[in-house]
Amino acid sequence: MALHIRIFQPYARAHLFRIILTASPQANGFFNSSGLSGFLPAAYTLLSLRFLQVVGLAGKGSQISMREWRKGITGEADGWTYHAKGLWITGKECLTVVGSSNYSKRSEELDLEVGVLIVTRNEKLRIRMTEEQRWLLGNSRRVMEEDLRASDRGIGWVVVVLVWIAGLLGTQL
């Protein structure tokens, strides 16, 4: 998921998310790009850090975790980018959303999002959906606030100011 960090409040209040899966900076399509777009991986890291801080202040740190997906480095041989967004609930019934599943305020209010909710008890489909979820999580690692604060994450004053300006302009990253 790569789930947009600015999760639309009703989803958050409904406690739908237990694991947030997002791209590591190295799996972001803008990793090492030139110009303003080169700041996007660090901006997403800043937003991830803020999200984890809110989770911690709400006392939900043991219930909600953030993981970063990475398979190589974008732009290098065998390096993958990660831009998937989705929702998986597995068990006796499996549920997933297929489509442009963005879960941000912008998605709810401005963009045209199309998605199909699939709920199944079919054993073969449940197995495939569970395997997909395991593959995604298997290429990820849990990140904590201290990981996101590391100096190699690139959250400097320029990124903080750019995210602040984007917020003033009402732009969703």
N, C-alpha and C. Protein backbone atom coordinates (compact mmCIF):
# COMPACT_ATOMS: atom_id res chain seq x y z
N MET A 1 0.53 -0.60 0.00
CA MET A 1 0.00 0.00 0.00
C MET A 1 0.90 1.03 0.00
N ALA A 2 0.96 0.62 -1.50
CA ALA A 2 1.48 1.83 -1.03
C ALA A 2 0.30 2.66 -0.73
N LEU A 3 -0.02 2.60 0.48
CA LEU A 3 -1.19 3.30 0.96
C LEU A 3 -0.78 4.72 1.25
N HIS A 4 -1.60 5.69 0.80
CA HIS A 4 -1.27 7.08 1.09
C HIS A 4 -1.30 7.29 2.59
N ILE A 5 -0.31 7.96 3.10
CA ILE A 5 -0.15 8.12 4.54
C ILE A 5 -1.26 8.98 5.13
N ARG A 6 -1.76 9.94 4.39
CA ARG A 6 -2.84 10.78 4.91
C ARG A 6 -4.15 10.01 4.80
N ILE A 7 -4.30 9.04 5.67
CA ILE A 7 -5.46 8.17 5.61
C ILE A 7 -6.72 8.96 5.94
N PHE A 8 -7.72 8.79 5.12
CA PHE A 8 -9.00 9.45 5.32
C PHE A 8 -9.55 9.05 6.69
N GLN A 9 -9.94 10.03 7.49
CA GLN A 9 -10.29 9.82 8.89
C GLN A 9 -11.31 8.72 9.17
N PRO A 10 -12.41 8.62 8.42
CA PRO A 10 -13.35 7.54 8.74
C PRO A 10 -12.73 6.15 8.69
N TYR A 11 -11.79 5.92 7.76
CA TYR A 11 -11.12 4.63 7.70
C TYR A 11 -10.28 4.41 8.95
N ALA A 12 -9.58 5.45 9.34
CA ALA A 12 -8.73 5.35 10.52
C ALA A 12 -9.56 5.12 11.78
N ARG A 13 -10.66 5.86 11.91
CA ARG A 13 -11.52 5.69 13.08
C ARG A 13 -12.15 4.30 13.13
N ALA A 14 -12.38 3.71 11.98
CA ALA A 14 -12.98 2.38 11.92
C ALA A 14 -11.94 1.29 12.22
N HIS A 15 -10.68 1.69 12.40
CA HIS A 15 -9.59 0.75 12.72
C HIS A 15 -9.45 -0.34 11.66
N LEU A 16 -9.60 0.03 10.39
CA LEU A 16 -9.48 -0.94 9.32
C LEU A 16 -8.03 -1.36 9.07
N PHE A 17 -7.09 -0.53 9.46
CA PHE A 17 -5.71 -0.80 9.12
C PHE A 17 -4.95 -1.33 10.32
N ARG A 18 -4.31 -2.48 10.16
CA ARG A 18 -3.46 -3.05 11.19
C ARG A 18 -2.01 -3.01 10.75
N ILE A 19 -1.79 -3.24 9.46
CA ILE A 19 -0.45 -3.16 8.88
C ILE A 19 -0.51 -2.17 7.72
N ILE A 20 0.31 -1.16 7.79
CA ILE A 20 0.44 -0.20 6.70
C ILE A 20 1.69 -0.60 5.94
N LEU A 21 1.52 -0.90 4.67
CA LEU A 21 2.65 -1.30 3.84
C LEU A 21 2.88 -0.19 2.83
N THR A 22 4.08 0.35 2.84
CA THR A 22 4.41 1.46 1.97
C THR A 22 5.75 1.18 1.30
N ALA A 23 6.08 1.95 0.30
CA ALA A 23 7.36 1.78 -0.40
C ALA A 23 8.50 2.31 0.45
N SER A 24 9.61 1.58 0.46
CA SER A 24 10.83 2.14 1.04
C SER A 24 11.30 3.24 0.09
N PRO A 25 12.13 4.15 0.55
CA PRO A 25 12.63 5.17 -0.37
C PRO A 25 13.26 4.57 -1.63
N GLN A 26 13.95 3.44 -1.48
CA GLN A 26 14.63 2.81 -2.61
C GLN A 26 13.64 2.15 -3.59
N ALA A 27 12.40 1.94 -3.16
CA ALA A 27 11.37 1.35 -4.03
C ALA A 27 10.45 2.41 -4.61
N ASN A 28 10.68 3.66 -4.26
CA ASN A 28 9.88 4.77 -4.78
C ASN A 28 10.37 5.11 -6.18
N GLY A 29 9.45 5.27 -7.10
CA GLY A 29 9.81 5.56 -8.49
C GLY A 29 10.60 6.85 -8.66
N PHE A 30 10.57 7.73 -7.65
CA PHE A 30 11.30 8.99 -7.73
C PHE A 30 12.64 8.94 -6.99
N PHE A 31 13.04 7.76 -6.53
CA PHE A 31 14.31 7.62 -5.82
C PHE A 31 15.46 8.07 -6.72
N ASN A 32 16.27 8.98 -6.22
CA ASN A 32 17.42 9.55 -6.94
C ASN A 32 17.05 10.33 -8.20
N SER A 33 15.79 10.75 -8.33
CA SER A 33 15.44 11.56 -9.50
C SER A 33 15.91 12.99 -9.29
N SER A 34 15.99 13.73 -10.37
CA SER A 34 16.46 15.12 -10.28
C SER A 34 15.27 16.05 -10.08
N GLY A 35 15.56 17.25 -9.64
CA GLY A 35 14.53 18.26 -9.44
C GLY A 35 13.71 18.01 -8.17
N LEU A 36 12.56 18.68 -8.11
CA LEU A 36 11.71 18.57 -6.92
C LEU A 36 11.23 17.16 -6.66
N SER A 37 11.03 16.38 -7.71
CA SER A 37 10.54 15.01 -7.51
C SER A 37 11.52 14.17 -6.70
N GLY A 38 12.78 14.54 -6.71
CA GLY A 38 13.78 13.82 -5.93
C GLY A 38 13.56 13.91 -4.42
N PHE A 39 12.77 14.91 -4.00
CA PHE A 39 12.46 15.05 -2.57
C PHE A 39 11.28 14.18 -2.13
N LEU A 40 10.56 13.58 -3.07
CA LEU A 40 9.36 12.82 -2.72
C LEU A 40 9.62 11.63 -1.79
N PRO A 41 10.65 10.81 -2.01
CA PRO A 41 10.87 9.72 -1.05
C PRO A 41 11.08 10.21 0.38
N ALA A 42 11.82 11.30 0.55
CA ALA A 42 12.01 11.85 1.89
C ALA A 42 10.73 12.46 2.43
N ALA A 43 9.92 13.07 1.56
CA ALA A 43 8.64 13.64 1.99
C ALA A 43 7.71 12.53 2.49
N TYR A 44 7.67 11.40 1.76
CA TYR A 44 6.85 10.27 2.21
C TYR A 44 7.38 9.71 3.52
N THR A 45 8.70 9.72 3.69
CA THR A 45 9.28 9.28 4.96
C THR A 45 8.83 10.20 6.09
N LEU A 46 8.83 11.50 5.85
CA LEU A 46 8.37 12.46 6.86
C LEU A 46 6.90 12.19 7.21
N LEU A 47 6.06 11.98 6.20
CA LEU A 47 4.65 11.71 6.46
C LEU A 47 4.47 10.38 7.20
N SER A 48 5.29 9.39 6.88
CA SER A 48 5.25 8.12 7.60
C SER A 48 5.62 8.32 9.06
N LEU A 49 6.65 9.12 9.30
CA LEU A 49 7.07 9.42 10.68
C LEU A 49 5.94 10.10 11.44
N ARG A 50 5.32 11.08 10.83
CA ARG A 50 4.20 11.77 11.49
C ARG A 50 3.05 10.81 11.78
N PHE A 51 2.77 9.89 10.84
CA PHE A 51 1.72 8.92 11.05
C PHE A 51 2.04 8.04 12.27
N LEU A 52 3.27 7.53 12.33
CA LEU A 52 3.65 6.69 13.46
C LEU A 52 3.60 7.45 14.78
N GLN A 53 3.93 8.74 14.75
CA GLN A 53 3.83 9.55 15.96
C GLN A 53 2.38 9.66 16.42
N VAL A 54 1.46 9.86 15.49
CA VAL A 54 0.03 9.93 15.83
C VAL A 54 -0.45 8.59 16.38
N VAL A 55 -0.02 7.50 15.76
CA VAL A 55 -0.38 6.16 16.22
C VAL A 55 0.11 5.96 17.66
N GLY A 56 1.35 6.37 17.91
CA GLY A 56 1.92 6.24 19.26
C GLY A 56 1.18 7.08 20.28
N LEU A 57 0.87 8.33 19.94
CA LEU A 57 0.14 9.21 20.86
C LEU A 57 -1.26 8.68 21.15
N ALA A 58 -1.84 7.98 20.19
CA ALA A 58 -3.18 7.41 20.39
C ALA A 58 -3.12 6.09 21.16
N GLY A 59 -1.92 5.64 21.50
CA GLY A 59 -1.78 4.39 22.23
C GLY A 59 -2.07 3.16 21.39
N LYS A 60 -1.90 3.27 20.07
CA LYS A 60 -2.22 2.17 19.15
C LYS A 60 -0.96 1.50 18.57
N GLY A 61 0.20 1.82 19.11
CA GLY A 61 1.45 1.29 18.57
C GLY A 61 1.53 -0.22 18.56
N SER A 62 0.86 -0.89 19.49
CA SER A 62 0.89 -2.35 19.50
C SER A 62 -0.14 -2.95 18.55
N GLN A 63 -1.05 -2.12 18.05
CA GLN A 63 -2.11 -2.62 17.18
C GLN A 63 -1.89 -2.29 15.71
N ILE A 64 -1.11 -1.25 15.43
CA ILE A 64 -0.88 -0.80 14.05
C ILE A 64 0.62 -0.75 13.82
N SER A 65 1.07 -1.39 12.76
CA SER A 65 2.50 -1.35 12.43
C SER A 65 2.68 -0.85 11.01
N MET A 66 3.84 -0.30 10.76
CA MET A 66 4.19 0.16 9.43
C MET A 66 5.34 -0.69 8.92
N ARG A 67 5.22 -1.11 7.68
CA ARG A 67 6.25 -1.89 7.04
C ARG A 67 6.63 -1.20 5.74
N GLU A 68 7.89 -1.33 5.35
CA GLU A 68 8.36 -0.79 4.08
C GLU A 68 8.73 -1.92 3.14
N TRP A 69 8.21 -1.83 1.91
CA TRP A 69 8.47 -2.84 0.89
C TRP A 69 9.69 -2.44 0.09
N ARG A 70 10.53 -3.43 -0.16
CA ARG A 70 11.72 -3.17 -0.99
C ARG A 70 12.17 -4.47 -1.64
N LYS A 71 12.46 -4.38 -2.92
CA LYS A 71 13.05 -5.50 -3.66
C LYS A 71 14.09 -4.88 -4.58
N GLY A 72 15.31 -4.77 -4.09
CA GLY A 72 16.38 -4.11 -4.83
C GLY A 72 16.26 -2.60 -4.72
N ILE A 73 16.86 -1.92 -5.66
CA ILE A 73 16.85 -0.46 -5.70
C ILE A 73 16.32 0.00 -7.05
N THR A 74 15.34 0.88 -7.01
CA THR A 74 14.75 1.41 -8.23
C THR A 74 15.84 1.95 -9.15
N GLY A 75 15.76 1.60 -10.42
CA GLY A 75 16.72 2.09 -11.39
C GLY A 75 17.95 1.22 -11.56
N GLU A 76 18.12 0.22 -10.70
CA GLU A 76 19.25 -0.69 -10.83
C GLU A 76 18.74 -2.04 -11.34
N ALA A 77 19.66 -2.87 -11.82
CA ALA A 77 19.28 -4.20 -12.29
C ALA A 77 18.54 -4.95 -11.18
N ASP A 78 17.44 -5.57 -11.53
CA ASP A 78 16.60 -6.33 -10.59
C ASP A 78 15.97 -5.47 -9.50
N GLY A 79 15.98 -4.15 -9.67
CA GLY A 79 15.33 -3.26 -8.71
C GLY A 79 13.88 -3.03 -9.09
N TRP A 80 13.00 -3.16 -8.15
CA TRP A 80 11.57 -2.99 -8.39
C TRP A 80 11.09 -1.69 -7.76
N THR A 81 10.09 -1.10 -8.38
CA THR A 81 9.38 0.01 -7.73
C THR A 81 8.14 -0.57 -7.07
N TYR A 82 7.60 0.17 -6.11
CA TYR A 82 6.40 -0.28 -5.41
C TYR A 82 5.38 0.85 -5.43
N HIS A 83 4.26 0.60 -6.11
CA HIS A 83 3.19 1.60 -6.15
C HIS A 83 1.83 0.94 -5.94
N ALA A 84 1.86 -0.27 -5.45
CA ALA A 84 0.61 -1.00 -5.23
C ALA A 84 -0.17 -0.35 -4.09
N LYS A 85 -1.48 -0.45 -4.23
CA LYS A 85 -2.35 0.01 -3.15
C LYS A 85 -3.44 -1.03 -3.02
N GLY A 86 -3.75 -1.41 -1.82
CA GLY A 86 -4.79 -2.42 -1.69
C GLY A 86 -5.21 -2.63 -0.26
N LEU A 87 -6.14 -3.51 -0.13
CA LEU A 87 -6.69 -3.86 1.18
C LEU A 87 -6.91 -5.36 1.14
N TRP A 88 -6.35 -6.07 2.11
CA TRP A 88 -6.53 -7.51 2.20
C TRP A 88 -7.00 -7.85 3.60
N ILE A 89 -8.04 -8.62 3.67
CA ILE A 89 -8.49 -9.20 4.93
C ILE A 89 -8.62 -10.69 4.66
N THR A 90 -7.83 -11.49 5.39
CA THR A 90 -7.82 -12.92 5.13
C THR A 90 -8.34 -13.68 6.34
N GLY A 91 -8.89 -14.84 6.09
CA GLY A 91 -9.45 -15.70 7.11
C GLY A 91 -10.36 -16.71 6.44
N LYS A 92 -11.44 -17.09 7.12
CA LYS A 92 -12.40 -18.04 6.52
C LYS A 92 -13.03 -17.44 5.28
N GLU A 93 -13.25 -16.14 5.30
CA GLU A 93 -13.63 -15.39 4.11
C GLU A 93 -12.49 -14.44 3.82
N CYS A 94 -12.17 -14.28 2.56
CA CYS A 94 -11.13 -13.32 2.17
C CYS A 94 -11.78 -12.15 1.47
N LEU A 95 -11.22 -10.99 1.71
CA LEU A 95 -11.74 -9.77 1.13
C LEU A 95 -10.56 -9.00 0.56
N THR A 96 -10.74 -8.46 -0.62
CA THR A 96 -9.73 -7.58 -1.20
C THR A 96 -10.42 -6.54 -2.06
N VAL A 97 -9.73 -5.45 -2.28
CA VAL A 97 -10.21 -4.40 -3.17
C VAL A 97 -9.29 -4.38 -4.38
N VAL A 98 -9.88 -4.43 -5.57
CA VAL A 98 -9.13 -4.37 -6.81
C VAL A 98 -9.50 -3.06 -7.50
N GLY A 99 -8.51 -2.31 -7.92
CA GLY A 99 -8.78 -1.05 -8.60
C GLY A 99 -7.86 0.04 -8.11
N SER A 100 -8.29 1.27 -8.26
CA SER A 100 -7.48 2.42 -7.86
C SER A 100 -7.80 2.78 -6.41
N SER A 101 -7.37 1.91 -5.53
CA SER A 101 -7.75 2.04 -4.12
C SER A 101 -6.83 2.99 -3.35
N ASN A 102 -7.01 4.27 -3.56
CA ASN A 102 -6.35 5.28 -2.75
C ASN A 102 -7.26 5.57 -1.56
N TYR A 103 -6.67 5.78 -0.41
CA TYR A 103 -7.45 5.99 0.81
C TYR A 103 -7.09 7.34 1.45
N SER A 104 -7.08 8.37 0.67
CA SER A 104 -6.73 9.69 1.19
C SER A 104 -7.93 10.63 1.09
N LYS A 105 -7.80 11.77 1.74
CA LYS A 105 -8.87 12.77 1.67
C LYS A 105 -9.12 13.21 0.23
N ARG A 106 -8.03 13.39 -0.50
CA ARG A 106 -8.16 13.79 -1.91
C ARG A 106 -8.96 12.74 -2.69
N SER A 107 -8.68 11.46 -2.43
CA SER A 107 -9.39 10.38 -3.12
C SER A 107 -10.87 10.42 -2.80
N GLU A 108 -11.20 10.74 -1.57
CA GLU A 108 -12.60 10.76 -1.15
C GLU A 108 -13.35 11.96 -1.70
N GLU A 109 -12.65 13.09 -1.85
CA GLU A 109 -13.35 14.33 -2.18
C GLU A 109 -13.15 14.83 -3.61
N LEU A 110 -12.00 14.51 -4.24
CA LEU A 110 -11.69 15.12 -5.53
C LEU A 110 -11.54 14.13 -6.68
N ASP A 111 -10.87 13.04 -6.43
CA ASP A 111 -10.53 12.12 -7.52
C ASP A 111 -11.66 11.15 -7.79
N LEU A 112 -11.65 10.63 -8.98
CA LEU A 112 -12.57 9.56 -9.34
C LEU A 112 -11.84 8.24 -9.10
N GLU A 113 -12.27 7.51 -8.11
CA GLU A 113 -11.66 6.24 -7.77
C GLU A 113 -12.63 5.12 -8.15
N VAL A 114 -12.10 4.06 -8.72
CA VAL A 114 -12.91 2.93 -9.11
C VAL A 114 -12.33 1.69 -8.44
N GLY A 115 -13.17 0.95 -7.79
CA GLY A 115 -12.71 -0.27 -7.14
C GLY A 115 -13.82 -1.30 -7.07
N VAL A 116 -13.39 -2.55 -7.01
CA VAL A 116 -14.31 -3.66 -6.88
C VAL A 116 -13.94 -4.40 -5.60
N LEU A 117 -14.92 -4.62 -4.76
CA LEU A 117 -14.72 -5.38 -3.54
C LEU A 117 -15.00 -6.85 -3.84
N ILE A 118 -14.00 -7.69 -3.56
CA ILE A 118 -14.17 -9.13 -3.77
C ILE A 118 -14.18 -9.80 -2.40
N VAL A 119 -15.24 -10.52 -2.12
CA VAL A 119 -15.35 -11.31 -0.91
C VAL A 119 -15.59 -12.74 -1.34
N THR A 120 -14.77 -13.65 -0.84
CA THR A 120 -14.89 -15.03 -1.29
C THR A 120 -14.67 -16.03 -0.18
N ARG A 121 -15.28 -17.17 -0.34
CA ARG A 121 -15.01 -18.34 0.49
C ARG A 121 -14.35 -19.44 -0.34
N ASN A 122 -14.15 -19.17 -1.64
CA ASN A 122 -13.54 -20.13 -2.55
C ASN A 122 -12.12 -20.43 -2.07
N GLU A 123 -11.85 -21.70 -1.81
CA GLU A 123 -10.58 -22.11 -1.22
C GLU A 123 -9.38 -21.71 -2.08
N LYS A 124 -9.44 -21.95 -3.40
CA LYS A 124 -8.31 -21.62 -4.27
C LYS A 124 -8.04 -20.12 -4.30
N LEU A 125 -9.10 -19.33 -4.38
CA LEU A 125 -8.93 -17.87 -4.41
C LEU A 125 -8.42 -17.36 -3.06
N ARG A 126 -8.91 -17.93 -1.98
CA ARG A 126 -8.43 -17.54 -0.64
C ARG A 126 -6.94 -17.82 -0.51
N ILE A 127 -6.52 -18.97 -1.02
CA ILE A 127 -5.09 -19.33 -0.95
C ILE A 127 -4.27 -18.34 -1.77
N ARG A 128 -4.71 -18.02 -2.99
CA ARG A 128 -3.98 -17.07 -3.84
C ARG A 128 -3.89 -15.69 -3.20
N MET A 129 -4.99 -15.23 -2.61
CA MET A 129 -5.00 -13.91 -1.97
C MET A 129 -4.06 -13.89 -0.76
N THR A 130 -4.06 -14.96 0.00
CA THR A 130 -3.17 -15.05 1.16
C THR A 130 -1.72 -15.12 0.71
N GLU A 131 -1.44 -15.85 -0.36
CA GLU A 131 -0.08 -15.92 -0.90
C GLU A 131 0.40 -14.55 -1.37
N GLU A 132 -0.47 -13.79 -2.02
CA GLU A 132 -0.08 -12.45 -2.48
C GLU A 132 0.26 -11.56 -1.28
N GLN A 133 -0.56 -11.61 -0.27
CA GLN A 133 -0.30 -10.81 0.92
C GLN A 133 1.03 -11.23 1.57
N ARG A 134 1.27 -12.51 1.68
CA ARG A 134 2.52 -13.00 2.27
C ARG A 134 3.74 -12.59 1.44
N TRP A 135 3.60 -12.62 0.09
CA TRP A 135 4.71 -12.22 -0.76
C TRP A 135 5.04 -10.75 -0.53
N LEU A 136 4.01 -9.92 -0.49
CA LEU A 136 4.23 -8.49 -0.25
C LEU A 136 4.91 -8.27 1.10
N LEU A 137 4.38 -8.89 2.13
CA LEU A 137 4.95 -8.72 3.47
C LEU A 137 6.33 -9.34 3.58
N GLY A 138 6.58 -10.42 2.82
CA GLY A 138 7.88 -11.08 2.84
C GLY A 138 8.99 -10.22 2.26
N ASN A 139 8.63 -9.25 1.43
CA ASN A 139 9.61 -8.33 0.86
C ASN A 139 9.59 -6.99 1.60
N SER A 140 9.16 -7.03 2.83
CA SER A 140 9.09 -5.80 3.61
C SER A 140 9.71 -6.01 4.99
N ARG A 141 9.92 -4.90 5.66
CA ARG A 141 10.39 -4.97 7.05
C ARG A 141 9.65 -3.92 7.85
N ARG A 142 9.46 -4.20 9.12
CA ARG A 142 8.78 -3.24 9.99
C ARG A 142 9.71 -2.05 10.23
N VAL A 143 9.14 -0.86 10.21
CA VAL A 143 9.91 0.34 10.50
C VAL A 143 9.31 1.02 11.72
N MET A 144 10.19 1.59 12.50
CA MET A 144 9.82 2.31 13.71
C MET A 144 10.21 3.78 13.52
N GLU A 145 9.77 4.61 14.45
CA GLU A 145 10.08 6.04 14.36
C GLU A 145 11.58 6.29 14.23
N GLU A 146 12.37 5.57 15.00
CA GLU A 146 13.82 5.80 14.95
C GLU A 146 14.41 5.44 13.59
N ASP A 147 13.84 4.45 12.90
CA ASP A 147 14.30 4.13 11.54
C ASP A 147 14.06 5.30 10.60
N LEU A 148 12.89 5.91 10.73
CA LEU A 148 12.50 6.99 9.83
C LEU A 148 13.25 8.29 10.14
N ARG A 149 13.75 8.42 11.36
CA ARG A 149 14.54 9.61 11.74
C ARG A 149 16.00 9.51 11.32
N ALA A 150 16.45 8.36 10.86
CA ALA A 150 17.87 8.16 10.51
C ALA A 150 18.31 9.18 9.47
N SER A 151 19.55 9.59 9.57
CA SER A 151 20.06 10.66 8.69
C SER A 151 20.02 10.27 7.21
N ASP A 152 20.12 8.99 6.90
CA ASP A 152 20.10 8.58 5.49
C ASP A 152 18.71 8.70 4.87
N ARG A 153 17.70 9.04 5.65
CA ARG A 153 16.34 9.19 5.14
C ARG A 153 16.11 10.54 4.46
N GLY A 154 17.01 11.48 4.68
CA GLY A 154 16.95 12.74 3.95
C GLY A 154 15.88 13.73 4.39
N ILE A 155 15.38 13.58 5.62
CA ILE A 155 14.39 14.55 6.10
C ILE A 155 15.14 15.76 6.64
N GLY A 156 15.43 16.68 5.78
CA GLY A 156 16.07 17.93 6.17
C GLY A 156 15.06 19.07 6.16
N TRP A 157 15.54 20.25 6.40
CA TRP A 157 14.63 21.40 6.48
C TRP A 157 13.93 21.65 5.15
N VAL A 158 14.60 21.36 4.02
CA VAL A 158 13.97 21.58 2.72
C VAL A 158 12.73 20.71 2.58
N VAL A 159 12.83 19.45 2.97
CA VAL A 159 11.69 18.53 2.88
C VAL A 159 10.57 18.98 3.80
N VAL A 160 10.91 19.38 5.01
CA VAL A 160 9.89 19.85 5.96
C VAL A 160 9.15 21.06 5.38
N VAL A 161 9.90 22.00 4.81
CA VAL A 161 9.28 23.20 4.23
C VAL A 161 8.42 22.83 3.01
N LEU A 162 8.91 21.95 2.14
CA LEU A 162 8.14 21.55 0.96
C LEU A 162 6.83 20.85 1.35
N VAL A 163 6.88 19.99 2.35
CA VAL A 163 5.66 19.32 2.82
C VAL A 163 4.71 20.34 3.43
N TRP A 164 5.24 21.30 4.15
CA TRP A 164 4.42 22.35 4.75
C TRP A 164 3.73 23.18 3.65
N ILE A 165 4.49 23.56 2.63
CA ILE A 165 3.92 24.33 1.51
C ILE A 165 2.84 23.51 0.80
N ALA A 166 3.12 22.24 0.55
CA ALA A 166 2.12 21.37 -0.10
C ALA A 166 0.84 21.33 0.73
N GLY A 167 0.98 21.28 2.05
CA GLY A 167 -0.20 21.29 2.92
C GLY A 167 -0.96 22.60 2.83
N LEU A 168 -0.23 23.71 2.77
CA LEU A 168 -0.89 25.02 2.64
C LEU A 168 -1.67 25.13 1.33
N LEU A 169 -1.11 24.55 0.29
CA LEU A 169 -1.74 24.60 -1.02
C LEU A 169 -2.86 23.57 -1.17
N GLY A 170 -3.00 22.73 -0.16
CA GLY A 170 -4.04 21.70 -0.22
C GLY A 170 -3.66 20.53 -1.12
N THR A 171 -2.37 20.40 -1.39
CA THR A 171 -1.89 19.33 -2.25
C THR A 171 -1.66 18.09 -1.42
N GLN A 172 -2.15 16.96 -1.88
CA GLN A 172 -1.91 15.69 -1.22
C GLN A 172 -0.72 15.02 -1.85
N LEU A 173 0.25 14.64 -1.04
CA LEU A 173 1.42 13.91 -1.56
C LEU A 173 1.08 12.45 -1.66
